[in-house]
């Protein structure tokens, strides 16, 4: 049986563009850079390949954080993506629920949260303490800092403080496990 193609939904790519605009990068710089990797914001497709999304993360990190190293720049992109998402209509609703329920509840829903972005990312969350979880991902995209920034920012927008995320291991070419800790919400 053939595996379904791994796709990232266009709203995710549009979110990267909005994050860049909010970060102060001009559309006249963003749009040609993305066109160079086959993403035309004037003619969006419903979804893009995993490889195109990885290329888009690299473009976004270089445009938003040109003076940072690769992983710190990816971490910054992860932060920008979550901060931009909570400003959308759907994101405001999710943010309200996350603030009410807290970081642990929000992180435990990671597969569901990530499935609004693509058809292929899976997560397993193992609660260690009320303020620490281990998160396994089936695909780190080769951009560990991206997920570290996402997880730390999710904790913050869900009401936690002092969020810290670190890669604790990889298995196979794509799987990764992260430890996420925070101070009491």
C-alpha atoms as a PDB file:
ATOM      1  CA  UNK A   1       0.000   0.000   0.000  1.00  0.00           C
ATOM      2  CA  UNK A   2       1.372   3.381  -0.991  1.00  0.00           C
ATOM      3  CA  UNK A   3       1.934   5.945   1.780  1.00  0.00           C
ATOM      4  CA  UNK A   4      -0.004   9.198   1.329  1.00  0.00           C
ATOM      5  CA  UNK A   5       2.080  12.174   0.259  1.00  0.00           C
ATOM      6  CA  UNK A   6       3.235  14.286   3.179  1.00  0.00           C
ATOM      7  CA  UNK A   7       1.647  17.699   2.724  1.00  0.00           C
ATOM      8  CA  UNK A   8       1.777  20.991   4.567  1.00  0.00           C
ATOM      9  CA  UNK A   9      -1.361  23.106   4.230  1.00  0.00           C
ATOM     10  CA  UNK A  10      -1.207  26.515   2.588  1.00  0.00           C
ATOM     11  CA  UNK A  11      -2.386  28.279   5.767  1.00  0.00           C
ATOM     12  CA  UNK A  12       0.906  27.220   7.359  1.00  0.00           C
ATOM     13  CA  UNK A  13       2.944  28.827   4.576  1.00  0.00           C
ATOM     14  CA  UNK A  14       0.765  31.931   4.699  1.00  0.00           C
ATOM     15  CA  UNK A  15       1.468  32.016   8.436  1.00  0.00           C
ATOM     16  CA  UNK A  16       5.196  32.151   7.747  1.00  0.00           C
ATOM     17  CA  UNK A  17       4.626  35.121   5.429  1.00  0.00           C
ATOM     18  CA  UNK A  18       2.503  36.920   8.022  1.00  0.00           C
ATOM     19  CA  UNK A  19       5.119  36.236  10.700  1.00  0.00           C
ATOM     20  CA  UNK A  20       7.800  37.761   8.479  1.00  0.00           C
ATOM     21  CA  UNK A  21       5.658  40.826   7.740  1.00  0.00           C
ATOM     22  CA  UNK A  22       4.988  41.293  11.448  1.00  0.00           C
ATOM     23  CA  UNK A  23       8.720  40.956  12.068  1.00  0.00           C
ATOM     24  CA  UNK A  24       9.321  43.881   9.698  1.00  0.00           C
ATOM     25  CA  UNK A  25      10.413  42.080   6.533  1.00  0.00           C
ATOM     26  CA  UNK A  26       8.913  43.726   3.440  1.00  0.00           C
ATOM     27  CA  UNK A  27       6.622  41.813   1.072  1.00  0.00           C
ATOM     28  CA  UNK A  28       8.906  42.911  -1.773  1.00  0.00           C
ATOM     29  CA  UNK A  29      11.634  40.786  -0.156  1.00  0.00           C
ATOM     30  CA  UNK A  30       9.467  37.886   1.051  1.00  0.00           C
ATOM     31  CA  UNK A  31       7.500  37.122  -2.100  1.00  0.00           C
ATOM     32  CA  UNK A  32      10.428  36.666  -4.516  1.00  0.00           C
ATOM     33  CA  UNK A  33      12.328  34.582  -1.964  1.00  0.00           C
ATOM     34  CA  UNK A  34       9.368  32.200  -1.645  1.00  0.00           C
ATOM     35  CA  UNK A  35       8.745  32.164  -5.407  1.00  0.00           C
ATOM     36  CA  UNK A  36      12.302  30.904  -5.716  1.00  0.00           C
ATOM     37  CA  UNK A  37      11.257  27.721  -3.888  1.00  0.00           C
ATOM     38  CA  UNK A  38       7.986  27.315  -5.790  1.00  0.00           C
ATOM     39  CA  UNK A  39       5.586  29.108  -3.442  1.00  0.00           C
ATOM     40  CA  UNK A  40       3.666  31.964  -5.039  1.00  0.00           C
ATOM     41  CA  UNK A  41       1.536  33.773  -2.469  1.00  0.00           C
ATOM     42  CA  UNK A  42      -0.580  35.295  -5.285  1.00  0.00           C
ATOM     43  CA  UNK A  43      -1.489  31.791  -6.536  1.00  0.00           C
ATOM     44  CA  UNK A  44      -1.510  29.565  -3.477  1.00  0.00           C
ATOM     45  CA  UNK A  45      -2.095  25.849  -3.831  1.00  0.00           C
ATOM     46  CA  UNK A  46      -4.132  24.035  -1.164  1.00  0.00           C
ATOM     47  CA  UNK A  47      -0.989  22.278   0.103  1.00  0.00           C
ATOM     48  CA  UNK A  48       2.757  21.972  -0.459  1.00  0.00           C
ATOM     49  CA  UNK A  49       5.251  19.173  -0.026  1.00  0.00           C
ATOM     50  CA  UNK A  50       7.227  18.560   3.127  1.00  0.00           C
ATOM     51  CA  UNK A  51      10.409  19.434   1.194  1.00  0.00           C
ATOM     52  CA  UNK A  52       8.970  22.801   0.155  1.00  0.00           C
ATOM     53  CA  UNK A  53       8.000  23.529   3.752  1.00  0.00           C
ATOM     54  CA  UNK A  54      11.517  22.752   4.951  1.00  0.00           C
ATOM     55  CA  UNK A  55      12.826  25.114   2.251  1.00  0.00           C
ATOM     56  CA  UNK A  56      10.307  27.718   3.457  1.00  0.00           C
ATOM     57  CA  UNK A  57      11.594  27.392   7.036  1.00  0.00           C
ATOM     58  CA  UNK A  58      15.131  28.002   5.811  1.00  0.00           C
ATOM     59  CA  UNK A  59      14.039  31.059   3.797  1.00  0.00           C
ATOM     60  CA  UNK A  60      12.028  32.403   6.745  1.00  0.00           C
ATOM     61  CA  UNK A  61      14.895  31.938   9.198  1.00  0.00           C
ATOM     62  CA  UNK A  62      17.351  33.748   6.913  1.00  0.00           C
ATOM     63  CA  UNK A  63      14.964  36.642   6.254  1.00  0.00           C
ATOM     64  CA  UNK A  64      13.861  37.098   9.866  1.00  0.00           C
ATOM     65  CA  UNK A  65      17.134  36.371  11.658  1.00  0.00           C
ATOM     66  CA  UNK A  66      20.023  36.855   9.208  1.00  0.00           C
ATOM     67  CA  UNK A  67      22.598  37.397  11.963  1.00  0.00           C
ATOM     68  CA  UNK A  68      21.778  34.273  13.985  1.00  0.00           C
ATOM     69  CA  UNK A  69      23.061  30.747  13.556  1.00  0.00           C
ATOM     70  CA  UNK A  70      20.795  28.131  12.023  1.00  0.00           C
ATOM     71  CA  UNK A  71      19.171  26.628  15.139  1.00  0.00           C
ATOM     72  CA  UNK A  72      18.707  29.938  17.025  1.00  0.00           C
ATOM     73  CA  UNK A  73      17.104  31.350  13.867  1.00  0.00           C
ATOM     74  CA  UNK A  74      14.774  28.328  13.613  1.00  0.00           C
ATOM     75  CA  UNK A  75      13.872  28.819  17.293  1.00  0.00           C
ATOM     76  CA  UNK A  76      12.970  32.431  16.479  1.00  0.00           C
ATOM     77  CA  UNK A  77      10.799  31.288  13.569  1.00  0.00           C
ATOM     78  CA  UNK A  78       8.972  28.877  15.901  1.00  0.00           C
ATOM     79  CA  UNK A  79       8.247  31.767  18.267  1.00  0.00           C
ATOM     80  CA  UNK A  80       7.044  33.991  15.424  1.00  0.00           C
ATOM     81  CA  UNK A  81       4.731  31.299  14.077  1.00  0.00           C
ATOM     82  CA  UNK A  82       2.940  30.770  17.408  1.00  0.00           C
ATOM     83  CA  UNK A  83       2.768  34.503  18.143  1.00  0.00           C
ATOM     84  CA  UNK A  84       1.255  35.100  14.704  1.00  0.00           C
ATOM     85  CA  UNK A  85      -1.176  32.203  15.035  1.00  0.00           C
ATOM     86  CA  UNK A  86      -2.701  33.521  18.264  1.00  0.00           C
ATOM     87  CA  UNK A  87      -3.583  36.716  16.407  1.00  0.00           C
ATOM     88  CA  UNK A  88      -5.757  34.925  13.831  1.00  0.00           C
ATOM     89  CA  UNK A  89      -9.492  34.358  14.391  1.00  0.00           C
ATOM     90  CA  UNK A  90      -9.030  30.656  15.105  1.00  0.00           C
ATOM     91  CA  UNK A  91      -5.845  31.333  17.064  1.00  0.00           C
ATOM     92  CA  UNK A  92      -7.612  33.765  19.404  1.00  0.00           C
ATOM     93  CA  UNK A  93     -10.159  31.087  20.281  1.00  0.00           C
ATOM     94  CA  UNK A  94      -7.467  28.471  20.828  1.00  0.00           C
ATOM     95  CA  UNK A  95      -5.440  30.980  22.859  1.00  0.00           C
ATOM     96  CA  UNK A  96      -8.405  31.688  25.138  1.00  0.00           C
ATOM     97  CA  UNK A  97      -8.862  27.959  25.798  1.00  0.00           C
ATOM     98  CA  UNK A  98      -5.112  27.481  26.317  1.00  0.00           C
ATOM     99  CA  UNK A  99      -4.971  30.319  28.867  1.00  0.00           C
ATOM    100  CA  UNK A 100      -7.927  28.817  30.698  1.00  0.00           C
ATOM    101  CA  UNK A 101      -6.636  25.233  30.687  1.00  0.00           C
ATOM    102  CA  UNK A 102      -2.901  25.946  31.024  1.00  0.00           C
ATOM    103  CA  UNK A 103       0.322  24.745  29.415  1.00  0.00           C
ATOM    104  CA  UNK A 104       0.042  21.048  30.304  1.00  0.00           C
ATOM    105  CA  UNK A 105      -3.408  20.636  28.730  1.00  0.00           C
ATOM    106  CA  UNK A 106      -2.315  22.584  25.658  1.00  0.00           C
ATOM    107  CA  UNK A 107       0.846  20.534  25.135  1.00  0.00           C
ATOM    108  CA  UNK A 108      -1.029  17.250  25.608  1.00  0.00           C
ATOM    109  CA  UNK A 109      -3.061  18.146  22.511  1.00  0.00           C
ATOM    110  CA  UNK A 110       0.004  18.508  20.254  1.00  0.00           C
ATOM    111  CA  UNK A 111      -0.948  15.998  17.531  1.00  0.00           C
ATOM    112  CA  UNK A 112      -4.330  17.685  17.186  1.00  0.00           C
ATOM    113  CA  UNK A 113      -2.696  21.124  17.217  1.00  0.00           C
ATOM    114  CA  UNK A 114      -0.103  20.127  14.625  1.00  0.00           C
ATOM    115  CA  UNK A 115      -2.694  18.558  12.327  1.00  0.00           C
ATOM    116  CA  UNK A 116      -4.032  22.023  11.505  1.00  0.00           C
ATOM    117  CA  UNK A 117      -0.678  22.564   9.743  1.00  0.00           C
ATOM    118  CA  UNK A 118      -0.093  19.299   7.882  1.00  0.00           C
ATOM    119  CA  UNK A 119      -1.279  15.747   7.313  1.00  0.00           C
ATOM    120  CA  UNK A 120       1.785  13.971   8.634  1.00  0.00           C
ATOM    121  CA  UNK A 121       3.154  15.242  11.945  1.00  0.00           C
ATOM    122  CA  UNK A 122       2.439  13.105  14.969  1.00  0.00           C
ATOM    123  CA  UNK A 123       3.312  13.818  18.575  1.00  0.00           C
ATOM    124  CA  UNK A 124       3.240  11.815  21.788  1.00  0.00           C
ATOM    125  CA  UNK A 125       3.322  13.708  25.045  1.00  0.00           C
ATOM    126  CA  UNK A 126       4.449  12.051  28.262  1.00  0.00           C
ATOM    127  CA  UNK A 127       3.698  14.019  31.413  1.00  0.00           C
ATOM    128  CA  UNK A 128       6.650  13.833  33.804  1.00  0.00           C
ATOM    129  CA  UNK A 129       5.403  16.373  36.368  1.00  0.00           C
ATOM    130  CA  UNK A 130       2.707  19.079  36.276  1.00  0.00           C
ATOM    131  CA  UNK A 131       5.362  21.396  34.788  1.00  0.00           C
ATOM    132  CA  UNK A 132       7.426  19.017  32.645  1.00  0.00           C
ATOM    133  CA  UNK A 133       6.642  16.886  29.627  1.00  0.00           C
ATOM    134  CA  UNK A 134       8.531  14.836  27.114  1.00  0.00           C
ATOM    135  CA  UNK A 135       7.317  15.310  23.533  1.00  0.00           C
ATOM    136  CA  UNK A 136       8.157  12.798  20.814  1.00  0.00           C
ATOM    137  CA  UNK A 137       7.711  13.918  17.206  1.00  0.00           C
ATOM    138  CA  UNK A 138       7.720  11.616  14.214  1.00  0.00           C
ATOM    139  CA  UNK A 139       9.419  14.324  12.122  1.00  0.00           C
ATOM    140  CA  UNK A 140      11.666  17.143  13.325  1.00  0.00           C
ATOM    141  CA  UNK A 141      12.099  18.474   9.740  1.00  0.00           C
ATOM    142  CA  UNK A 142      15.834  18.803  10.366  1.00  0.00           C
ATOM    143  CA  UNK A 143      15.004  22.026  12.217  1.00  0.00           C
ATOM    144  CA  UNK A 144      15.126  21.229  15.947  1.00  0.00           C
ATOM    145  CA  UNK A 145      15.155  24.869  16.972  1.00  0.00           C
ATOM    146  CA  UNK A 146      11.842  25.415  15.171  1.00  0.00           C
ATOM    147  CA  UNK A 147      10.011  23.043  17.494  1.00  0.00           C
ATOM    148  CA  UNK A 148      11.909  24.295  20.540  1.00  0.00           C
ATOM    149  CA  UNK A 149      10.627  27.804  19.762  1.00  0.00           C
ATOM    150  CA  UNK A 150       7.104  26.511  19.157  1.00  0.00           C
ATOM    151  CA  UNK A 151       6.940  24.546  22.425  1.00  0.00           C
ATOM    152  CA  UNK A 152       8.422  27.354  24.545  1.00  0.00           C
ATOM    153  CA  UNK A 153       6.017  29.886  23.069  1.00  0.00           C
ATOM    154  CA  UNK A 154       3.010  27.609  23.483  1.00  0.00           C
ATOM    155  CA  UNK A 155       3.831  27.341  27.184  1.00  0.00           C
ATOM    156  CA  UNK A 156       4.090  31.136  27.450  1.00  0.00           C
ATOM    157  CA  UNK A 157       0.850  31.909  25.592  1.00  0.00           C
ATOM    158  CA  UNK A 158      -0.915  29.230  27.672  1.00  0.00           C
ATOM    159  CA  UNK A 159       0.022  31.119  30.833  1.00  0.00           C
ATOM    160  CA  UNK A 160       3.270  29.447  31.853  1.00  0.00           C
ATOM    161  CA  UNK A 161       6.502  31.277  32.540  1.00  0.00           C
ATOM    162  CA  UNK A 162      10.162  30.381  32.320  1.00  0.00           C
ATOM    163  CA  UNK A 163       9.610  27.861  29.512  1.00  0.00           C
ATOM    164  CA  UNK A 164      12.658  25.838  28.529  1.00  0.00           C
ATOM    165  CA  UNK A 165      12.813  23.268  25.763  1.00  0.00           C
ATOM    166  CA  UNK A 166      15.683  21.054  24.789  1.00  0.00           C
ATOM    167  CA  UNK A 167      16.242  18.241  22.356  1.00  0.00           C
ATOM    168  CA  UNK A 168      16.844  15.071  24.381  1.00  0.00           C
ATOM    169  CA  UNK A 169      17.251  12.547  21.605  1.00  0.00           C
ATOM    170  CA  UNK A 170      16.689  11.445  18.061  1.00  0.00           C
ATOM    171  CA  UNK A 171      15.858   8.060  16.617  1.00  0.00           C
ATOM    172  CA  UNK A 172      15.986   7.251  12.966  1.00  0.00           C
ATOM    173  CA  UNK A 173      16.419   9.980  10.412  1.00  0.00           C
ATOM    174  CA  UNK A 174      13.354  12.018  11.401  1.00  0.00           C
ATOM    175  CA  UNK A 175      12.147  11.293  14.925  1.00  0.00           C
ATOM    176  CA  UNK A 176      13.034  13.498  17.882  1.00  0.00           C
ATOM    177  CA  UNK A 177      12.194  13.833  21.565  1.00  0.00           C
ATOM    178  CA  UNK A 178      12.132  17.130  23.442  1.00  0.00           C
ATOM    179  CA  UNK A 179      11.916  17.946  27.140  1.00  0.00           C
ATOM    180  CA  UNK A 180       9.729  20.957  27.907  1.00  0.00           C
ATOM    181  CA  UNK A 181       9.745  22.492  31.394  1.00  0.00           C
ATOM    182  CA  UNK A 182       8.205  25.631  32.822  1.00  0.00           C
ATOM    183  CA  UNK A 183       7.499  27.375  36.091  1.00  0.00           C
ATOM    184  CA  UNK A 184       4.027  27.172  37.588  1.00  0.00           C
ATOM    185  CA  UNK A 185       1.384  28.950  35.568  1.00  0.00           C
END
